[in-house]
Protein backbone atom coordinates (compact mmCIF):
# COMPACT_ATOMS: atom_id res chain seq x y z
CA MET A 1 -61.86 27.14 51.97
CA GLY A 2 -63.20 23.60 51.75
CA THR A 3 -62.59 19.97 52.61
CA PRO A 4 -64.58 17.23 50.81
CA ALA A 5 -64.62 15.99 47.22
CA PHE A 6 -67.76 18.05 46.56
CA ALA A 7 -65.62 21.21 46.57
CA VAL A 8 -62.94 19.91 44.16
CA PRO A 9 -64.64 20.89 40.84
CA SER A 10 -65.04 24.44 42.14
CA LEU A 11 -61.37 24.64 43.11
CA GLU A 12 -60.37 23.31 39.70
CA ALA A 13 -62.66 25.83 37.98
CA LEU A 14 -61.13 28.69 39.99
CA ALA A 15 -57.65 27.50 39.07
CA ARG A 16 -58.59 27.66 35.36
CA SER A 17 -60.21 31.09 35.67
CA LYS A 18 -58.71 34.56 35.45
CA HIS A 19 -58.86 34.91 39.24
CA SER A 20 -55.71 34.59 41.37
CA LEU A 21 -55.85 31.88 44.00
CA LEU A 22 -53.66 33.01 46.90
CA ALA A 23 -54.08 29.95 49.10
CA VAL A 24 -56.33 27.01 49.96
CA VAL A 25 -57.58 26.45 53.51
CA THR A 26 -58.68 22.95 54.50
CA ALA A 27 -58.97 20.62 57.47
CA PRO A 28 -55.88 19.02 59.04
CA ASP A 29 -54.94 15.55 57.75
CA LYS A 30 -56.74 12.77 59.63
CA PRO A 31 -57.20 8.98 59.62
CA ARG A 32 -59.46 7.90 56.76
CA GLY A 33 -60.89 4.69 55.30
CA ARG A 34 -60.72 1.11 56.58
CA GLY A 35 -57.00 1.21 57.24
CA GLN A 36 -57.34 4.53 59.11
CA LYS A 37 -54.21 5.88 57.43
CA VAL A 38 -53.59 9.57 57.98
CA LEU A 39 -54.48 11.13 54.64
CA PRO A 40 -55.05 14.64 53.25
CA SER A 41 -58.52 15.92 52.47
CA PRO A 42 -59.65 15.78 48.83
CA ILE A 43 -59.23 19.56 48.65
CA LYS A 44 -55.66 19.43 49.95
CA LYS A 45 -54.77 16.75 47.41
CA CYS A 46 -56.26 18.84 44.60
CA ALA A 47 -54.49 22.00 45.82
CA LEU A 48 -51.12 20.26 45.91
CA ASP A 49 -51.70 18.89 42.41
CA LEU A 50 -52.33 22.49 41.33
CA SER A 51 -49.19 23.69 43.17
CA LEU A 52 -51.23 25.96 45.45
CA PRO A 53 -50.23 26.94 49.00
CA VAL A 54 -52.26 25.01 51.62
CA LEU A 55 -53.19 26.19 55.12
CA GLN A 56 -54.52 23.70 57.70
CA PRO A 57 -55.31 25.52 60.94
CA THR A 58 -56.64 23.49 63.86
CA THR A 59 -58.68 26.52 64.88
CA LEU A 60 -59.80 29.38 62.66
CA LYS A 61 -59.21 31.86 65.50
CA ASP A 62 -55.50 31.04 65.72
CA PRO A 63 -53.69 34.43 65.70
CA ALA A 64 -50.90 33.10 63.45
CA PHE A 65 -53.48 31.87 60.94
CA LEU A 66 -55.31 35.22 60.97
CA ASP A 67 -52.03 37.10 60.53
CA HIS A 68 -51.20 34.88 57.55
CA LEU A 69 -54.57 35.69 55.97
CA ARG A 70 -53.99 39.41 56.45
CA THR A 71 -50.56 39.09 54.85
CA LEU A 72 -52.14 37.47 51.80
CA ALA A 73 -54.50 40.47 51.50
CA PRO A 74 -57.33 38.62 49.65
CA ASP A 75 -60.21 40.46 47.99
CA ILE A 76 -62.70 37.68 48.85
CA PHE A 77 -62.98 34.26 50.47
CA VAL A 78 -64.75 31.38 48.73
CA VAL A 79 -66.19 28.76 51.09
CA ILE A 80 -67.56 25.34 50.07
CA ALA A 81 -68.42 22.58 52.55
CA PHE A 82 -66.13 23.92 55.27
CA ARG A 83 -66.37 24.88 58.91
CA ILE A 84 -68.41 27.77 60.29
CA LEU A 85 -66.31 30.91 59.92
CA PRO A 86 -65.93 33.25 62.91
CA PRO A 87 -66.40 36.99 62.29
CA GLU A 88 -62.63 37.50 62.55
CA VAL A 89 -62.33 35.50 59.33
CA TYR A 90 -65.35 36.33 57.15
CA THR A 91 -65.02 40.10 57.71
CA LEU A 92 -61.33 40.14 56.81
CA PRO A 93 -61.49 40.60 52.99
CA PRO A 94 -62.99 43.79 51.48
CA LEU A 95 -65.66 41.75 49.67
CA GLY A 96 -66.26 39.42 52.60
CA ALA A 97 -66.85 35.71 52.08
CA VAL A 98 -69.08 33.83 49.63
CA ASN A 99 -70.50 30.42 50.46
CA VAL A 100 -71.60 27.84 47.88
CA HIS A 101 -74.44 25.75 49.35
CA ALA A 102 -76.11 22.64 47.91
CA SER A 103 -79.75 23.64 48.28
CA LEU A 104 -82.22 26.29 47.24
CA LEU A 105 -81.93 28.48 50.31
CA PRO A 106 -83.66 29.17 52.60
CA LYS A 107 -84.64 25.49 52.28
CA TYR A 108 -82.26 23.00 53.86
CA ARG A 109 -79.93 25.17 55.86
CA GLY A 110 -77.26 23.05 57.50
CA ALA A 111 -74.67 20.33 57.02
CA ALA A 112 -76.65 17.71 55.06
CA PRO A 113 -78.81 19.47 52.43
CA ILE A 114 -78.41 16.78 49.74
CA GLN A 115 -79.36 13.88 52.00
CA ARG A 116 -82.26 15.79 53.58
CA ALA A 117 -83.74 16.75 50.22
CA ILE A 118 -83.83 13.11 49.08
CA LEU A 119 -84.99 11.88 52.48
CA HIS A 120 -87.99 14.23 52.32
CA GLY A 121 -88.93 13.20 48.79
CA GLU A 122 -88.05 16.48 47.08
CA THR A 123 -88.13 16.52 43.27
CA GLU A 124 -86.02 19.67 42.90
CA THR A 125 -82.94 21.16 44.51
CA GLY A 126 -80.03 23.31 43.40
CA ILE A 127 -77.09 25.50 44.31
CA THR A 128 -77.15 28.83 46.13
CA THR A 129 -74.28 31.27 46.50
CA PHE A 130 -74.67 33.76 49.32
CA GLN A 131 -72.81 36.24 51.50
CA ILE A 132 -71.64 34.77 54.81
CA THR A 133 -72.97 36.44 57.95
CA GLY A 134 -73.14 35.57 61.64
CA LYS A 135 -75.92 32.96 61.41
CA VAL A 136 -75.32 29.78 59.41
CA ASP A 137 -76.68 29.80 55.83
CA THR A 138 -78.76 32.97 56.35
CA GLY A 139 -76.84 35.56 54.32
CA LYS A 140 -78.08 37.44 51.26
CA ILE A 141 -78.54 35.29 48.15
CA LEU A 142 -76.37 36.09 45.15
CA ILE A 143 -77.17 33.37 42.58
CA GLN A 144 -79.38 30.28 42.51
CA LYS A 145 -79.55 27.46 39.97
CA ARG A 146 -82.15 24.69 40.03
CA ILE A 147 -81.89 21.06 39.00
CA SER A 148 -84.37 18.20 39.21
CA ILE A 149 -83.94 15.25 41.52
CA ASP A 150 -84.47 12.10 39.48
CA PRO A 151 -86.40 9.17 41.04
CA GLU A 152 -83.28 7.01 40.86
CA ASP A 153 -80.92 9.64 42.28
CA THR A 154 -78.92 8.76 45.36
CA ALA A 155 -77.00 11.21 47.53
CA GLY A 156 -73.94 10.13 45.56
CA THR A 157 -75.30 10.71 42.07
CA LEU A 158 -77.04 13.94 43.04
CA SER A 159 -73.87 15.25 44.67
CA GLU A 160 -71.91 14.57 41.48
CA ARG A 161 -74.37 16.63 39.45
CA LEU A 162 -74.57 19.43 42.00
CA GLU A 163 -70.80 19.83 42.34
CA LYS A 164 -70.60 20.69 38.63
CA VAL A 165 -73.40 23.25 39.01
CA ALA A 166 -71.61 24.63 42.09
CA ALA A 167 -68.49 25.37 40.04
CA GLU A 168 -70.56 27.20 37.41
CA CYS A 169 -72.43 29.23 40.02
CA LEU A 170 -69.22 30.18 41.79
CA LEU A 171 -67.59 31.64 38.68
CA GLU A 172 -70.77 33.51 37.73
CA THR A 173 -70.97 34.88 41.27
CA LEU A 174 -67.40 36.17 41.24
CA GLU A 175 -67.93 37.75 37.81
CA GLY A 176 -71.11 39.44 39.01
CA LEU A 177 -69.49 40.76 42.18
CA GLU A 178 -66.52 42.07 40.21
CA ASP A 179 -68.58 43.94 37.61
CA GLY A 180 -71.31 45.02 40.03
CA THR A 181 -74.23 43.31 38.25
CA LEU A 182 -75.41 41.20 41.20
CA THR A 183 -78.13 42.40 43.57
CA PRO A 184 -77.99 40.49 46.87
CA LEU A 185 -81.45 39.37 48.02
CA GLU A 186 -82.55 38.80 51.60
CA GLN A 187 -83.70 35.26 52.43
CA ASP A 188 -87.31 34.73 53.52
CA ASN A 189 -86.77 33.19 56.94
CA THR A 190 -90.41 32.07 57.12
CA LEU A 191 -89.62 29.51 54.39
CA ALA A 192 -86.49 28.14 56.06
CA THR A 193 -86.09 24.41 56.71
CA PRO A 194 -83.21 22.71 58.54
CA ALA A 195 -80.70 20.18 57.18
CA PRO A 196 -78.79 19.05 60.28
CA LYS A 197 -75.93 16.57 60.27
CA ILE A 198 -76.93 12.93 59.76
CA HIS A 199 -76.93 10.89 62.98
CA PRO A 200 -76.25 7.11 62.90
CA GLU A 201 -79.68 6.19 64.26
CA GLU A 202 -81.32 7.87 61.27
CA THR A 203 -79.72 5.34 58.92
CA LEU A 204 -81.55 2.39 60.53
CA LEU A 205 -84.40 1.23 58.30
CA ASP A 206 -87.90 0.99 59.75
CA PHE A 207 -89.87 -1.60 57.78
CA SER A 208 -93.14 -0.57 59.41
CA GLN A 209 -92.98 2.56 57.26
CA PRO A 210 -94.48 2.94 53.76
CA GLY A 211 -92.25 1.70 50.97
CA LYS A 212 -91.68 5.14 49.45
CA GLU A 213 -90.21 6.44 52.70
CA ILE A 214 -87.93 3.42 53.00
CA ILE A 215 -86.68 3.85 49.43
CA ASN A 216 -86.02 7.55 50.09
CA THR A 217 -83.97 6.58 53.15
CA ILE A 218 -81.93 4.10 51.10
CA ARG A 219 -81.31 6.70 48.37
CA ALA A 220 -80.45 9.45 50.86
CA PHE A 221 -77.74 7.39 52.56
CA SER A 222 -76.21 5.73 49.49
CA PRO A 223 -73.30 5.27 49.06
CA GLN A 224 -72.36 6.60 52.50
CA PRO A 225 -73.07 5.93 55.32
CA GLY A 226 -75.56 3.37 53.97
CA ALA A 227 -79.08 2.57 55.18
CA ARG A 228 -78.87 -0.35 57.60
CA PHE A 229 -80.87 -3.29 58.95
CA PHE A 230 -80.14 -6.50 60.84
CA LEU A 231 -80.43 -9.93 59.24
CA GLY A 232 -79.98 -12.76 61.71
CA GLY A 233 -77.89 -10.54 63.94
CA THR A 234 -75.65 -9.37 61.08
CA LEU A 235 -75.66 -5.68 60.25
CA MET A 236 -76.40 -5.12 56.57
CA LYS A 237 -76.25 -2.02 54.40
CA LEU A 238 -78.96 -1.72 51.76
CA LEU A 239 -77.53 0.53 49.04
CA LYS A 240 -80.05 0.06 46.25
CA ALA A 241 -83.60 -1.32 46.16
CA GLN A 242 -87.00 -1.03 44.51
CA PHE A 243 -90.46 -0.81 46.04
CA GLU A 244 -93.35 -2.94 44.86
CA PRO A 245 -96.90 -2.41 46.14
CA TYR A 246 -98.31 -5.64 47.55
CA PRO A 247 -101.81 -6.33 48.90
CA GLU A 248 -101.05 -8.57 51.89
CA THR A 249 -97.98 -7.81 53.91
CA ILE A 250 -96.52 -8.30 57.38
CA PRO A 251 -93.77 -5.66 57.89
CA GLY A 252 -90.33 -7.16 58.33
CA THR A 253 -91.20 -10.54 56.80
CA ILE A 254 -88.65 -11.99 54.39
CA GLU A 255 -89.89 -13.65 51.22
CA LYS A 256 -87.76 -15.56 48.70
CA ILE A 257 -89.04 -14.56 45.27
CA SER A 258 -86.63 -16.51 43.08
CA LYS A 259 -83.16 -18.00 43.05
CA HIS A 260 -81.75 -14.50 42.61
CA ALA A 261 -84.18 -12.25 44.48
CA PHE A 262 -85.83 -11.78 47.84
CA ALA A 263 -88.15 -9.21 49.37
CA ILE A 264 -88.59 -7.57 52.75
CA HIS A 265 -92.21 -6.66 53.46
CA CYS A 266 -93.07 -3.17 54.66
CA LYS A 267 -96.25 -1.32 55.55
CA ASP A 268 -97.76 -1.21 52.06
CA GLY A 269 -95.72 -3.62 49.95
CA ARG A 270 -92.32 -5.18 49.42
CA ILE A 271 -88.78 -3.80 49.31
CA LEU A 272 -86.73 -5.63 46.67
CA PRO A 273 -82.99 -5.33 47.45
CA GLU A 274 -80.67 -4.87 44.47
CA GLU A 275 -77.33 -3.95 46.08
CA ILE A 276 -76.34 -5.00 49.58
CA GLN A 277 -73.27 -4.94 51.82
CA PRO A 278 -72.88 -7.26 54.82
CA GLU A 279 -70.86 -5.79 57.69
CA GLY A 280 -67.14 -6.07 57.04
CA LYS A 281 -67.58 -7.22 53.44
CA ARG A 282 -67.68 -5.62 50.02
CA LYS A 283 -70.90 -4.38 48.46
CA MET A 284 -72.50 -6.87 46.08
CA SER A 285 -75.52 -7.48 43.90
CA VAL A 286 -78.45 -9.31 45.47
CA THR A 287 -77.69 -12.20 43.11
CA ASP A 288 -74.15 -12.54 44.46
CA PHE A 289 -75.45 -12.20 48.00
CA MET A 290 -77.99 -14.99 47.55
CA ASN A 291 -75.40 -17.25 45.97
CA GLY A 292 -73.69 -17.36 49.35
CA VAL A 293 -76.68 -17.16 51.69
CA ASP A 294 -79.72 -19.40 52.16
CA ILE A 295 -82.28 -16.64 52.61
CA THR A 296 -84.96 -19.16 53.67
CA ARG A 297 -83.09 -19.49 57.00
CA TYR A 298 -84.39 -16.05 57.88
CA LEU A 299 -88.08 -15.49 58.52
CA SER A 300 -87.87 -11.76 59.13
CA VAL A 301 -85.68 -8.75 59.88
CA ASP A 302 -86.02 -6.42 62.82
CA ILE A 303 -88.82 -4.03 61.89
CA HIS A 304 -87.11 -1.18 63.73
CA ALA A 305 -83.53 -2.29 63.00
């Protein structure tokens, strides 16, 4: 059970394993991308490529869907980046349901663990497999694997590394459950931190903040949905940048550094854009951007976009 591209390596790993995949459950097709064409989820596309049966219920409590699951008689459900399962679903198989989560639980419970970890300046994260229970991301831990978060990591690059670790953890978890070598461990709820869904207002850059926090925001929301600011009334996405400490600064001030570079001042220095995307246009290097824009026309950006 899964939907986004993050879950694809795990599905592919399961398909290569000794385990029998009875079906794949994913979200209904929906409009995607700029053209808003109705397209399948990445998991559905992968499942069809693997010639696997695909189920796309609009509600997980649909009696026909539940009857279909019972007919399949699965030993276990594997869940990666999917909807919250009702008890009617996760209690159906004899071995219950296993979730693969992109954090070191109990830290970052919720829908956006990768973005939240970068946003908060973490230097380490990982993958946790756990048994699904009634409360989201609170079940007993089965396996955890840690990886470092590099200073240059974005949500995109970190997700690519974690999805490979997720596939490894999943297979190890199924092996351990099958041969009885895993000991489920209760989570310490006193150490829990939330990772709620990203809201659009969180992506707006605040140039009155310290540079490190601004860079973390840019990294956390790159490549999607993109950290944003306004330049002369035009909404811009800042997808990659560097921070440079600077002694005298007025937050929000724009400074042309060279023919191919400009800076936006923040609380304790300057943000040096490297990759930018004006609204409705393609992403581009700062050099390409400045080739088409006279940055000296702009004295500042909105501090609180």
